Amino acid sequence: MRLLSRLLIVLFVIFTPLSAFAVNPDEMLTDPALEARARALSAELRCMVCQNQSIDDSNADLAKDLRLLVRERITDGDSDEQVLNYIVSRYGEFVLLKPRFSVRTLLLWGAPVLLILAGGVSLVVFARKRAGKPTGSKLTAEEQARLAELLNPTPRL
């Protein structure tokens, strides 16, 4: 049992994603506060090669270049907003994992609300149309006579 548990632990460690090792030691800043800022900013930027990974998690060469650029801008004294603006000016809004709210991204942010409202309105319209319509067909003369007979039975003697 111990052997099995140790084997599982070893396999888990081997097959765990190694995204923590994406940032190489030679890229790291010596000041822990600046490095923390750089890691936070890197987590907000999309790797243009990997598309759904941050540059902090990616091993791509472009991600490494962007990580170095972020660290360079931070050491030059730029604020977090200035670093993000600089990178967005070079690569566009797509580089941000969480796009900013602006006129260009209004549809992106408003689409879920618009879709929910459109769905609600269509449900109300459909329900109202359906409520006004009869659900069956009219009874034939024979069926009406049979119904009248069933509802008003004549007493038997």
N, C-alpha and C. Protein backbone atom coordinates (compact mmCIF):
# COMPACT_ATOMS: atom_id res chain seq x y z
N MET A 1 0.82 -1.19 0.00
CA MET A 1 0.00 0.00 0.00
C MET A 1 0.87 1.26 0.00
N ARG A 2 1.95 1.22 0.79
CA ARG A 2 2.86 2.37 0.83
C ARG A 2 3.52 2.59 -0.52
N LEU A 3 3.88 1.50 -1.15
CA LEU A 3 4.53 1.60 -2.45
C LEU A 3 3.59 2.24 -3.48
N LEU A 4 2.33 1.85 -3.44
CA LEU A 4 1.34 2.41 -4.34
C LEU A 4 1.14 3.91 -4.09
N SER A 5 1.05 4.30 -2.84
CA SER A 5 0.86 5.72 -2.53
C SER A 5 2.09 6.53 -2.94
N ARG A 6 3.28 6.00 -2.74
CA ARG A 6 4.49 6.71 -3.16
C ARG A 6 4.55 6.83 -4.68
N LEU A 7 4.15 5.76 -5.36
CA LEU A 7 4.13 5.79 -6.81
C LEU A 7 3.14 6.84 -7.32
N LEU A 8 1.99 6.92 -6.70
CA LEU A 8 1.00 7.93 -7.09
C LEU A 8 1.51 9.34 -6.85
N ILE A 9 2.21 9.54 -5.76
CA ILE A 9 2.76 10.87 -5.47
C ILE A 9 3.82 11.24 -6.51
N VAL A 10 4.68 10.29 -6.85
CA VAL A 10 5.71 10.55 -7.86
C VAL A 10 5.07 10.86 -9.21
N LEU A 11 4.07 10.09 -9.61
CA LEU A 11 3.37 10.35 -10.87
C LEU A 11 2.68 11.70 -10.86
N PHE A 12 2.09 12.06 -9.74
CA PHE A 12 1.42 13.35 -9.62
C PHE A 12 2.42 14.49 -9.81
N VAL A 13 3.57 14.37 -9.17
CA VAL A 13 4.59 15.41 -9.28
C VAL A 13 5.13 15.49 -10.70
N ILE A 14 5.31 14.36 -11.33
CA ILE A 14 5.86 14.35 -12.70
C ILE A 14 4.87 14.95 -13.69
N PHE A 15 3.59 14.60 -13.56
CA PHE A 15 2.60 15.03 -14.55
C PHE A 15 1.87 16.31 -14.18
N THR A 16 2.25 16.95 -13.12
CA THR A 16 1.66 18.23 -12.76
C THR A 16 2.16 19.28 -13.76
N PRO A 17 1.27 20.15 -14.24
CA PRO A 17 1.73 21.19 -15.16
C PRO A 17 2.83 22.03 -14.51
N LEU A 18 3.83 22.29 -15.28
CA LEU A 18 4.98 23.01 -14.76
C LEU A 18 4.93 24.49 -15.10
N SER A 19 3.75 25.08 -15.02
CA SER A 19 3.62 26.49 -15.36
C SER A 19 4.36 27.39 -14.39
N ALA A 20 4.59 26.92 -13.19
CA ALA A 20 5.32 27.74 -12.23
C ALA A 20 6.76 27.96 -12.69
N PHE A 21 7.26 27.08 -13.54
CA PHE A 21 8.63 27.20 -14.01
C PHE A 21 8.73 27.97 -15.32
N ALA A 22 7.63 28.60 -15.75
CA ALA A 22 7.68 29.38 -16.99
C ALA A 22 8.59 30.58 -16.83
N VAL A 23 8.58 31.20 -15.67
CA VAL A 23 9.45 32.34 -15.42
C VAL A 23 10.81 31.78 -14.98
N ASN A 24 11.78 32.04 -15.80
CA ASN A 24 13.12 31.53 -15.51
C ASN A 24 13.80 32.38 -14.44
N PRO A 25 14.68 31.79 -13.66
CA PRO A 25 15.36 32.54 -12.61
C PRO A 25 16.14 33.74 -13.13
N ASP A 26 16.67 33.66 -14.35
CA ASP A 26 17.44 34.78 -14.88
C ASP A 26 16.55 35.96 -15.26
N GLU A 27 15.24 35.75 -15.34
CA GLU A 27 14.30 36.84 -15.65
C GLU A 27 13.88 37.60 -14.40
N MET A 28 13.97 36.97 -13.25
CA MET A 28 13.42 37.54 -12.02
C MET A 28 14.21 38.77 -11.57
N LEU A 29 13.47 39.70 -10.98
CA LEU A 29 14.07 40.90 -10.42
C LEU A 29 14.57 40.62 -9.01
N THR A 30 15.59 41.35 -8.58
CA THR A 30 16.15 41.11 -7.26
C THR A 30 15.27 41.68 -6.16
N ASP A 31 14.54 42.75 -6.46
CA ASP A 31 13.64 43.34 -5.47
C ASP A 31 12.34 42.54 -5.44
N PRO A 32 11.99 41.94 -4.29
CA PRO A 32 10.78 41.10 -4.21
C PRO A 32 9.49 41.88 -4.50
N ALA A 33 9.44 43.15 -4.12
CA ALA A 33 8.24 43.95 -4.36
C ALA A 33 8.04 44.19 -5.86
N LEU A 34 9.14 44.51 -6.56
CA LEU A 34 9.06 44.72 -8.01
C LEU A 34 8.74 43.41 -8.73
N GLU A 35 9.31 42.33 -8.24
CA GLU A 35 9.04 41.02 -8.85
C GLU A 35 7.56 40.63 -8.67
N ALA A 36 7.01 40.94 -7.50
CA ALA A 36 5.58 40.66 -7.27
C ALA A 36 4.71 41.47 -8.22
N ARG A 37 5.06 42.73 -8.44
CA ARG A 37 4.33 43.56 -9.40
C ARG A 37 4.44 42.98 -10.81
N ALA A 38 5.64 42.56 -11.17
CA ALA A 38 5.86 41.99 -12.51
C ALA A 38 5.05 40.71 -12.69
N ARG A 39 5.00 39.87 -11.66
CA ARG A 39 4.22 38.63 -11.76
C ARG A 39 2.74 38.93 -11.86
N ALA A 40 2.27 39.93 -11.11
CA ALA A 40 0.85 40.30 -11.17
C ALA A 40 0.49 40.83 -12.56
N LEU A 41 1.35 41.67 -13.12
CA LEU A 41 1.10 42.20 -14.46
C LEU A 41 1.19 41.10 -15.51
N SER A 42 2.14 40.20 -15.36
CA SER A 42 2.29 39.10 -16.31
C SER A 42 1.07 38.18 -16.30
N ALA A 43 0.43 38.06 -15.17
CA ALA A 43 -0.77 37.22 -15.06
C ALA A 43 -1.96 37.85 -15.79
N GLU A 44 -1.91 39.16 -16.06
CA GLU A 44 -3.00 39.85 -16.75
C GLU A 44 -2.82 39.88 -18.26
N LEU A 45 -1.64 39.50 -18.75
CA LEU A 45 -1.34 39.59 -20.17
C LEU A 45 -1.40 38.23 -20.85
N ARG A 46 -2.02 38.21 -22.02
CA ARG A 46 -2.22 36.97 -22.78
C ARG A 46 -0.97 36.68 -23.62
N CYS A 47 -0.59 35.41 -23.64
CA CYS A 47 0.47 34.98 -24.55
C CYS A 47 -0.14 34.93 -25.94
N MET A 48 0.44 35.64 -26.88
CA MET A 48 -0.10 35.70 -28.23
C MET A 48 0.10 34.39 -28.99
N VAL A 49 0.99 33.54 -28.52
CA VAL A 49 1.21 32.24 -29.14
C VAL A 49 0.24 31.21 -28.57
N CYS A 50 0.13 31.17 -27.25
CA CYS A 50 -0.70 30.18 -26.58
C CYS A 50 -2.18 30.59 -26.53
N GLN A 51 -2.46 31.85 -26.60
CA GLN A 51 -3.80 32.44 -26.67
C GLN A 51 -4.58 32.40 -25.35
N ASN A 52 -4.64 31.28 -24.67
CA ASN A 52 -5.44 31.22 -23.44
C ASN A 52 -4.58 31.04 -22.20
N GLN A 53 -3.33 31.38 -22.30
CA GLN A 53 -2.44 31.35 -21.15
C GLN A 53 -1.89 32.75 -20.94
N SER A 54 -1.61 33.03 -19.69
CA SER A 54 -0.94 34.31 -19.43
C SER A 54 0.53 34.15 -19.78
N ILE A 55 1.20 35.27 -19.95
CA ILE A 55 2.63 35.20 -20.27
C ILE A 55 3.42 34.67 -19.08
N ASP A 56 2.82 34.76 -17.90
CA ASP A 56 3.46 34.24 -16.70
C ASP A 56 3.49 32.72 -16.71
N ASP A 57 2.51 32.09 -17.38
CA ASP A 57 2.40 30.63 -17.41
C ASP A 57 3.00 30.01 -18.66
N SER A 58 3.33 30.81 -19.65
CA SER A 58 3.73 30.29 -20.95
C SER A 58 5.25 30.17 -21.07
N ASN A 59 5.67 29.13 -21.79
CA ASN A 59 7.09 28.93 -22.07
C ASN A 59 7.48 29.43 -23.46
N ALA A 60 6.56 30.05 -24.18
CA ALA A 60 6.84 30.52 -25.54
C ALA A 60 7.88 31.65 -25.50
N ASP A 61 8.62 31.77 -26.59
CA ASP A 61 9.65 32.81 -26.68
C ASP A 61 9.05 34.21 -26.60
N LEU A 62 7.90 34.39 -27.27
CA LEU A 62 7.24 35.70 -27.22
C LEU A 62 6.81 36.04 -25.80
N ALA A 63 6.32 35.06 -25.06
CA ALA A 63 5.94 35.29 -23.66
C ALA A 63 7.15 35.70 -22.83
N LYS A 64 8.28 35.07 -23.09
CA LYS A 64 9.51 35.44 -22.37
C LYS A 64 9.89 36.87 -22.70
N ASP A 65 9.80 37.24 -23.98
CA ASP A 65 10.12 38.62 -24.37
C ASP A 65 9.19 39.61 -23.68
N LEU A 66 7.92 39.28 -23.61
CA LEU A 66 6.96 40.18 -22.94
C LEU A 66 7.23 40.26 -21.44
N ARG A 67 7.58 39.13 -20.82
CA ARG A 67 7.92 39.16 -19.39
C ARG A 67 9.12 40.07 -19.15
N LEU A 68 10.13 39.96 -20.02
CA LEU A 68 11.31 40.82 -19.88
C LEU A 68 10.95 42.28 -20.11
N LEU A 69 10.06 42.54 -21.06
CA LEU A 69 9.62 43.91 -21.32
C LEU A 69 8.88 44.49 -20.12
N VAL A 70 8.03 43.68 -19.50
CA VAL A 70 7.30 44.13 -18.30
C VAL A 70 8.29 44.48 -17.21
N ARG A 71 9.24 43.62 -16.98
CA ARG A 71 10.23 43.86 -15.93
C ARG A 71 11.10 45.09 -16.24
N GLU A 72 11.43 45.27 -17.50
CA GLU A 72 12.22 46.44 -17.91
C GLU A 72 11.45 47.73 -17.64
N ARG A 73 10.17 47.74 -18.01
CA ARG A 73 9.35 48.94 -17.81
C ARG A 73 9.17 49.23 -16.31
N ILE A 74 9.03 48.18 -15.51
CA ILE A 74 8.87 48.37 -14.06
C ILE A 74 10.16 48.95 -13.47
N THR A 75 11.29 48.42 -13.87
CA THR A 75 12.56 48.94 -13.33
C THR A 75 12.84 50.35 -13.82
N ASP A 76 12.26 50.74 -14.97
CA ASP A 76 12.41 52.12 -15.45
C ASP A 76 11.51 53.09 -14.69
N GLY A 77 10.65 52.55 -13.82
CA GLY A 77 9.82 53.42 -12.98
C GLY A 77 8.39 53.59 -13.45
N ASP A 78 7.96 52.84 -14.45
CA ASP A 78 6.57 52.95 -14.92
C ASP A 78 5.61 52.37 -13.88
N SER A 79 4.42 52.96 -13.83
CA SER A 79 3.38 52.39 -12.98
C SER A 79 2.78 51.19 -13.67
N ASP A 80 1.96 50.43 -12.96
CA ASP A 80 1.31 49.25 -13.55
C ASP A 80 0.47 49.65 -14.76
N GLU A 81 -0.27 50.74 -14.62
CA GLU A 81 -1.13 51.22 -15.72
C GLU A 81 -0.29 51.62 -16.93
N GLN A 82 0.84 52.27 -16.69
CA GLN A 82 1.71 52.67 -17.80
C GLN A 82 2.30 51.46 -18.52
N VAL A 83 2.65 50.43 -17.76
CA VAL A 83 3.19 49.20 -18.37
C VAL A 83 2.12 48.56 -19.25
N LEU A 84 0.90 48.44 -18.71
CA LEU A 84 -0.18 47.84 -19.48
C LEU A 84 -0.51 48.67 -20.73
N ASN A 85 -0.54 49.98 -20.57
CA ASN A 85 -0.83 50.84 -21.72
C ASN A 85 0.25 50.71 -22.80
N TYR A 86 1.50 50.60 -22.38
CA TYR A 86 2.60 50.45 -23.33
C TYR A 86 2.45 49.15 -24.12
N ILE A 87 2.16 48.07 -23.44
CA ILE A 87 2.03 46.77 -24.13
C ILE A 87 0.77 46.74 -24.99
N VAL A 88 -0.31 47.32 -24.51
CA VAL A 88 -1.54 47.37 -25.31
C VAL A 88 -1.33 48.23 -26.55
N SER A 89 -0.55 49.31 -26.44
CA SER A 89 -0.29 50.15 -27.61
C SER A 89 0.50 49.39 -28.68
N ARG A 90 1.30 48.40 -28.26
CA ARG A 90 2.09 47.62 -29.21
C ARG A 90 1.34 46.41 -29.77
N TYR A 91 0.51 45.77 -28.93
CA TYR A 91 -0.12 44.50 -29.32
C TYR A 91 -1.65 44.57 -29.43
N GLY A 92 -2.25 45.65 -28.99
CA GLY A 92 -3.70 45.77 -29.07
C GLY A 92 -4.38 45.23 -27.81
N GLU A 93 -5.69 45.46 -27.73
CA GLU A 93 -6.47 45.07 -26.56
C GLU A 93 -6.50 43.56 -26.37
N PHE A 94 -6.27 42.80 -27.44
CA PHE A 94 -6.34 41.35 -27.34
C PHE A 94 -5.30 40.78 -26.38
N VAL A 95 -4.23 41.52 -26.13
CA VAL A 95 -3.18 41.04 -25.25
C VAL A 95 -3.63 40.98 -23.79
N LEU A 96 -4.70 41.67 -23.46
CA LEU A 96 -5.23 41.65 -22.09
C LEU A 96 -6.15 40.45 -21.91
N LEU A 97 -5.93 39.68 -20.83
CA LEU A 97 -6.82 38.56 -20.55
C LEU A 97 -8.19 39.05 -20.11
N LYS A 98 -8.26 40.19 -19.44
CA LYS A 98 -9.53 40.80 -19.05
C LYS A 98 -9.62 42.15 -19.76
N PRO A 99 -10.33 42.19 -20.89
CA PRO A 99 -10.39 43.44 -21.67
C PRO A 99 -10.98 44.59 -20.85
N ARG A 100 -10.50 45.77 -21.15
CA ARG A 100 -11.00 46.98 -20.48
C ARG A 100 -12.36 47.35 -21.04
N PHE A 101 -13.14 48.05 -20.24
CA PHE A 101 -14.45 48.53 -20.70
C PHE A 101 -14.22 49.84 -21.46
N SER A 102 -14.55 49.83 -22.75
CA SER A 102 -14.42 51.02 -23.59
C SER A 102 -15.48 50.94 -24.67
N VAL A 103 -15.50 51.93 -25.55
CA VAL A 103 -16.47 51.95 -26.64
C VAL A 103 -16.25 50.75 -27.56
N ARG A 104 -14.98 50.40 -27.78
CA ARG A 104 -14.67 49.27 -28.66
C ARG A 104 -15.06 47.93 -28.06
N THR A 105 -15.08 47.83 -26.74
CA THR A 105 -15.42 46.56 -26.09
C THR A 105 -16.83 46.58 -25.51
N LEU A 106 -17.61 47.58 -25.87
CA LEU A 106 -18.97 47.69 -25.34
C LEU A 106 -19.81 46.48 -25.71
N LEU A 107 -19.73 46.02 -26.94
CA LEU A 107 -20.49 44.86 -27.37
C LEU A 107 -20.04 43.60 -26.63
N LEU A 108 -18.74 43.48 -26.40
CA LEU A 108 -18.21 42.34 -25.67
C LEU A 108 -18.79 42.26 -24.26
N TRP A 109 -18.83 43.39 -23.57
CA TRP A 109 -19.35 43.41 -22.20
C TRP A 109 -20.87 43.40 -22.17
N GLY A 110 -21.52 43.98 -23.18
CA GLY A 110 -22.97 44.08 -23.17
C GLY A 110 -23.69 42.90 -23.78
N ALA A 111 -22.99 42.07 -24.54
CA ALA A 111 -23.63 40.95 -25.23
C ALA A 111 -24.34 39.98 -24.29
N PRO A 112 -23.78 39.59 -23.17
CA PRO A 112 -24.51 38.68 -22.28
C PRO A 112 -25.82 39.28 -21.78
N VAL A 113 -25.79 40.54 -21.43
CA VAL A 113 -27.01 41.20 -20.94
C VAL A 113 -28.04 41.28 -22.07
N LEU A 114 -27.59 41.65 -23.27
CA LEU A 114 -28.50 41.74 -24.41
C LEU A 114 -29.11 40.38 -24.75
N LEU A 115 -28.32 39.33 -24.70
CA LEU A 115 -28.83 38.00 -25.00
C LEU A 115 -29.84 37.53 -23.96
N ILE A 116 -29.60 37.81 -22.70
CA ILE A 116 -30.55 37.43 -21.65
C ILE A 116 -31.85 38.21 -21.81
N LEU A 117 -31.75 39.51 -22.09
CA LEU A 117 -32.97 40.31 -22.31
C LEU A 117 -33.74 39.83 -23.54
N ALA A 118 -33.05 39.54 -24.63
CA ALA A 118 -33.71 39.05 -25.85
C ALA A 118 -34.39 37.72 -25.59
N GLY A 119 -33.75 36.84 -24.86
CA GLY A 119 -34.35 35.55 -24.51
C GLY A 119 -35.59 35.72 -23.65
N GLY A 120 -35.53 36.62 -22.67
CA GLY A 120 -36.68 36.87 -21.80
C GLY A 120 -37.85 37.45 -22.58
N VAL A 121 -37.56 38.41 -23.45
CA VAL A 121 -38.63 39.02 -24.26
C VAL A 121 -39.25 37.97 -25.18
N SER A 122 -38.43 37.14 -25.82
CA SER A 122 -38.99 36.13 -26.72
C SER A 122 -39.83 35.10 -25.95
N LEU A 123 -39.43 34.75 -24.74
CA LEU A 123 -40.25 33.84 -23.93
C LEU A 123 -41.59 34.46 -23.59
N VAL A 124 -41.61 35.73 -23.22
CA VAL A 124 -42.87 36.41 -22.89
C VAL A 124 -43.76 36.48 -24.13
N VAL A 125 -43.21 36.86 -25.27
CA VAL A 125 -44.00 36.96 -26.50
C VAL A 125 -44.56 35.58 -26.88
N PHE A 126 -43.73 34.56 -26.81
CA PHE A 126 -44.18 33.21 -27.15
C PHE A 126 -45.27 32.74 -26.20
N ALA A 127 -45.12 33.00 -24.90
CA ALA A 127 -46.12 32.57 -23.93
C ALA A 127 -47.44 33.31 -24.15
N ARG A 128 -47.40 34.58 -24.46
CA ARG A 128 -48.64 35.34 -24.70
C ARG A 128 -49.35 34.86 -25.95
N LYS A 129 -48.61 34.59 -27.01
CA LYS A 129 -49.23 34.10 -28.24
C LYS A 129 -49.89 32.75 -28.01
N ARG A 130 -49.23 31.92 -27.26
CA ARG A 130 -49.74 30.58 -27.03
C ARG A 130 -50.93 30.59 -26.09
N ALA A 131 -50.98 31.50 -25.13
CA ALA A 131 -52.07 31.53 -24.16
C ALA A 131 -53.39 31.93 -24.81
N GLY A 132 -53.36 32.71 -25.87
CA GLY A 132 -54.58 33.17 -26.53
C GLY A 132 -55.18 32.17 -27.49
N LYS A 133 -54.44 31.14 -27.87
CA LYS A 133 -54.91 30.18 -28.85
C LYS A 133 -55.59 29.00 -28.16
N PRO A 134 -56.68 28.50 -28.76
CA PRO A 134 -57.29 27.29 -28.21
C PRO A 134 -56.36 26.10 -28.45
N THR A 135 -56.44 25.16 -27.56
CA THR A 135 -55.51 24.04 -27.64
C THR A 135 -56.04 22.86 -28.46
N GLY A 136 -57.33 22.78 -28.71
CA GLY A 136 -57.88 21.65 -29.45
C GLY A 136 -58.74 22.11 -30.61
N SER A 137 -59.37 21.14 -31.28
CA SER A 137 -60.26 21.48 -32.38
C SER A 137 -61.71 21.47 -31.88
N LYS A 138 -62.61 22.07 -32.67
CA LYS A 138 -64.02 22.13 -32.28
C LYS A 138 -64.63 20.75 -32.36
N LEU A 139 -65.64 20.55 -31.51
CA LEU A 139 -66.34 19.26 -31.49
C LEU A 139 -67.26 19.13 -32.69
N THR A 140 -67.35 17.94 -33.18
CA THR A 140 -68.31 17.67 -34.26
C THR A 140 -69.71 17.61 -33.67
N ALA A 141 -70.72 17.58 -34.53
CA ALA A 141 -72.11 17.52 -34.07
C ALA A 141 -72.36 16.25 -33.28
N GLU A 142 -71.81 15.15 -33.70
CA GLU A 142 -71.98 13.89 -32.98
C GLU A 142 -71.36 13.96 -31.59
N GLU A 143 -70.16 14.56 -31.51
CA GLU A 143 -69.48 14.67 -30.22
C GLU A 143 -70.23 15.60 -29.28
N GLN A 144 -70.78 16.68 -29.80
CA GLN A 144 -71.57 17.59 -28.97
C GLN A 144 -72.81 16.91 -28.44
N ALA A 145 -73.49 16.13 -29.27
CA ALA A 145 -74.69 15.40 -28.83
C ALA A 145 -74.32 14.39 -27.76
N ARG A 146 -73.24 13.69 -27.94
CA ARG A 146 -72.80 12.70 -26.94
C ARG A 146 -72.43 13.38 -25.64
N LEU A 147 -71.76 14.55 -25.71
CA LEU A 147 -71.40 15.30 -24.51
C LEU A 147 -72.63 15.78 -23.78
N ALA A 148 -73.62 16.29 -24.52
CA ALA A 148 -74.86 16.75 -23.90
C ALA A 148 -75.56 15.59 -23.22
N GLU A 149 -75.52 14.43 -23.85
CA GLU A 149 -76.15 13.25 -23.26
C GLU A 149 -75.45 12.83 -21.97
N LEU A 150 -74.14 12.93 -21.97
CA LEU A 150 -73.39 12.56 -20.78
C LEU A 150 -73.58 13.57 -19.64
N LEU A 151 -73.69 14.84 -19.99
CA LEU A 151 -73.84 15.86 -18.96
C LEU A 151 -75.28 15.93 -18.41
N ASN A 152 -76.23 15.63 -19.21
CA ASN A 152 -77.64 15.66 -18.78
C ASN A 152 -78.24 14.26 -18.97
N PRO A 153 -77.94 13.37 -18.12
CA PRO A 153 -78.47 12.01 -18.31
C PRO A 153 -79.99 11.99 -18.06
N THR A 154 -80.67 11.25 -18.85
CA THR A 154 -82.11 11.11 -18.65
C THR A 154 -82.33 9.99 -17.62
N PRO A 155 -83.24 10.25 -16.70
CA PRO A 155 -83.46 9.21 -15.66
C PRO A 155 -84.12 7.97 -16.28
N ARG A 156 -83.65 6.84 -15.89
CA ARG A 156 -84.18 5.57 -16.37
C ARG A 156 -85.21 5.06 -15.37
N LEU A 157 -86.24 4.52 -15.88
CA LEU A 157 -87.30 3.99 -15.02
C LEU A 157 -87.36 2.52 -15.04
